[in-house]
Structure formats: C-alpha cells, structure tokens
Amino acid sequence: MKLEMRQKLAREPFAEKIRKVGQLIRLAKTFPRRAAKSPPAAK
C-alpha cells in the first residue's frame, strides 16, 4: 500500500473505516471464489 494511502486511511474516523470494510466484505461476497492452486508435486 502506498504511503499516501496509509496516511489518508489513518486520519479517517473509525466509523468510516468500519463502513469501508463492510463495503469490501459485501463486494468480495459477490465475486465467485477462485479454486486454490494446488502446490506442485514433489519429485
């Protein structure tokens, strides 16, 4: 994360941060989950 973004986020009120997290969670739920890639088989 860029330093400017971190500083801007740090200055925001706590309630605003919680609201944004809620938006991100709702948005993440709308996207289909990608299948996790299995690790390559050891020889």
Protein backbone atom coordinates (compact mmCIF):
# COMPACT_ATOMS: atom_id res chain seq x y z
CA MET A 1 0.00 0.00 0.00
CA LYS A 2 1.31 3.44 -0.86
CA LEU A 3 2.37 5.71 1.98
CA GLU A 4 -0.14 8.42 0.98
CA MET A 5 -3.00 5.91 1.08
CA ARG A 6 -1.93 4.64 4.51
CA GLN A 7 -1.72 8.17 5.91
CA LYS A 8 -5.14 9.09 4.50
CA LEU A 9 -6.69 5.94 5.96
CA ALA A 10 -5.05 6.60 9.35
CA ARG A 11 -6.67 10.07 9.51
CA GLU A 12 -10.19 8.80 8.81
CA PRO A 13 -12.64 8.34 11.69
CA PHE A 14 -13.05 4.79 12.98
CA ALA A 15 -16.71 4.63 11.88
CA GLU A 16 -15.71 5.45 8.30
CA LYS A 17 -13.11 2.66 8.32
CA ILE A 18 -15.73 0.17 9.54
CA ARG A 19 -18.13 1.28 6.78
CA LYS A 20 -15.46 0.76 4.12
CA VAL A 21 -14.59 -2.69 5.47
CA GLY A 22 -18.27 -3.62 5.30
CA GLN A 23 -18.40 -2.49 1.67
CA LEU A 24 -15.34 -4.59 0.84
CA ILE A 25 -16.84 -7.66 2.50
CA ARG A 26 -20.11 -7.29 0.58
CA LEU A 27 -18.18 -6.76 -2.65
CA ALA A 28 -15.99 -9.81 -2.01
CA LYS A 29 -19.09 -11.96 -1.48
CA THR A 30 -20.43 -11.02 -4.92
CA PHE A 31 -17.36 -12.35 -6.71
CA PRO A 32 -17.03 -16.08 -7.37
CA ARG A 33 -14.25 -17.76 -5.45
CA ARG A 34 -11.28 -18.98 -7.45
CA ALA A 35 -10.13 -22.52 -6.84
CA ALA A 36 -6.92 -22.59 -4.83
CA LYS A 37 -3.97 -23.78 -6.85
CA SER A 38 -2.54 -27.00 -5.54
CA PRO A 39 1.21 -26.97 -4.84
CA PRO A 40 3.38 -28.67 -7.45
CA ALA A 41 4.00 -32.35 -6.77
CA ALA A 42 7.39 -33.09 -5.22
CA LYS A 43 9.64 -35.44 -7.19
